Amino acid sequence: MTLRSALLAATVMALPIAANAQGISGPYVDAGAGVNLMQDESVSVPGAPNQKVQTKAGFVGVGSVGWGFGNGFRAEVEGDYRYNQAKNGGGHQDKYGVMVNGLYDFTSVSPMVVPYLGVGIGYQAEHVSSVSTTKGSFAYQGIAGAAFPIDAVPGLAVTGEYRFMGLAGNRNFNGATSTDNYNHSFLLGVRYAFGAPAAAPMAPAPAVAPAAAMARSYLVFFDWDKANLTERARGIIKDAAVNSTKVAYTKIDVNGNADTSGTHAYNQGLSLRRANAVAAELVKDGVPKNAIAITASGDTKLLVPTGPGVREPQNRRVEINIR
């Protein structure tokens, strides 16, 4: 009785877990077969000491029709049959009946395996061949199993499970009274859910994005009143030189500029020195000298429009254009 109570309590307590999981939605059928191990059955006869009926490992087969509610819960009606032969040669015992089960699928565990737990109640007939008598009894069971979906056939799954079934009350067989009947069943089976959606098609490989167009214009900035190159400026020039080898071009324009903080004449000369510094670095980085066209705009082509006498960093620049 302690084993039975523990199994049922554990099963019932586990059912509400992960109630938001998705499961079978709609009708399904299930069938399985395997081995039934029957615990020693206590039998009392008036005027004689109690006896233990021992049986060999036997057969169990079940079939059920059920309905899944789409949230992990299922309900089903099951028909079952169990057969065990007595070890002492005293015939065999058959049990068969109908059970109503409630189950819960833990679909969030893994797409490859779906564990489930369940409980059931119903009616079982116990037939003892040695006395040619059949008695019925209320029955209960706990179920623990796992389903392994078959991706190639939507709705089809292979199942493996353990069931504990007990018969309640006493049964009298021509004066001999059975006081307990506990069964441990191990089954392999198949289940098919009707109307299961087909597996989602494999997502196509993402299209390879086209390579970004090669940059053809570069800006090199200078400190105020300076024409020498910073490390940052050298890096930009290096990029321009390397990328010029990857595109077709007819010439590379190098145009120097200055802000309005000096006179027009001074700014013109400063912008030319800046352009020459950039052109020399391009040549150093492998650009043919005859491919470079140098111009100086002074303070006439302001990137940021300002009034006279304004130190504007973005106007102190050289533009490199690969054409």
Foldseek 3Di string as FASTA:
>chain_A
DVVVVVQVVVLVVPACPQQQAFDFAFKKKKKKKFKKAKDFWWKDFPPDDIDTWHWDIWMKIKIWIWGDHGRFKIKIKMWMKIKTATPVRLGIKIKIWIKIKIKGWQCVPDVFKIKMKMKIKTKMWMAGVNLRDIDMFIKMKIKIKMWGDDLVDFQKTKMKIKMKMKGAAWDARPRMITHIIIMITIIIIMMGRPPGDHDDDDDDDDDDDDDDDQDFKFKAWDDAPDQDHDPVNLVRLLSNLVVLVVDDFQAKEKEFEAAQQDDQVSQQVSRQSNSVNSLVSSVVSPDDSVRYDYYYDRHPDAPDDDDHNDHDRRRRIMMIGGD
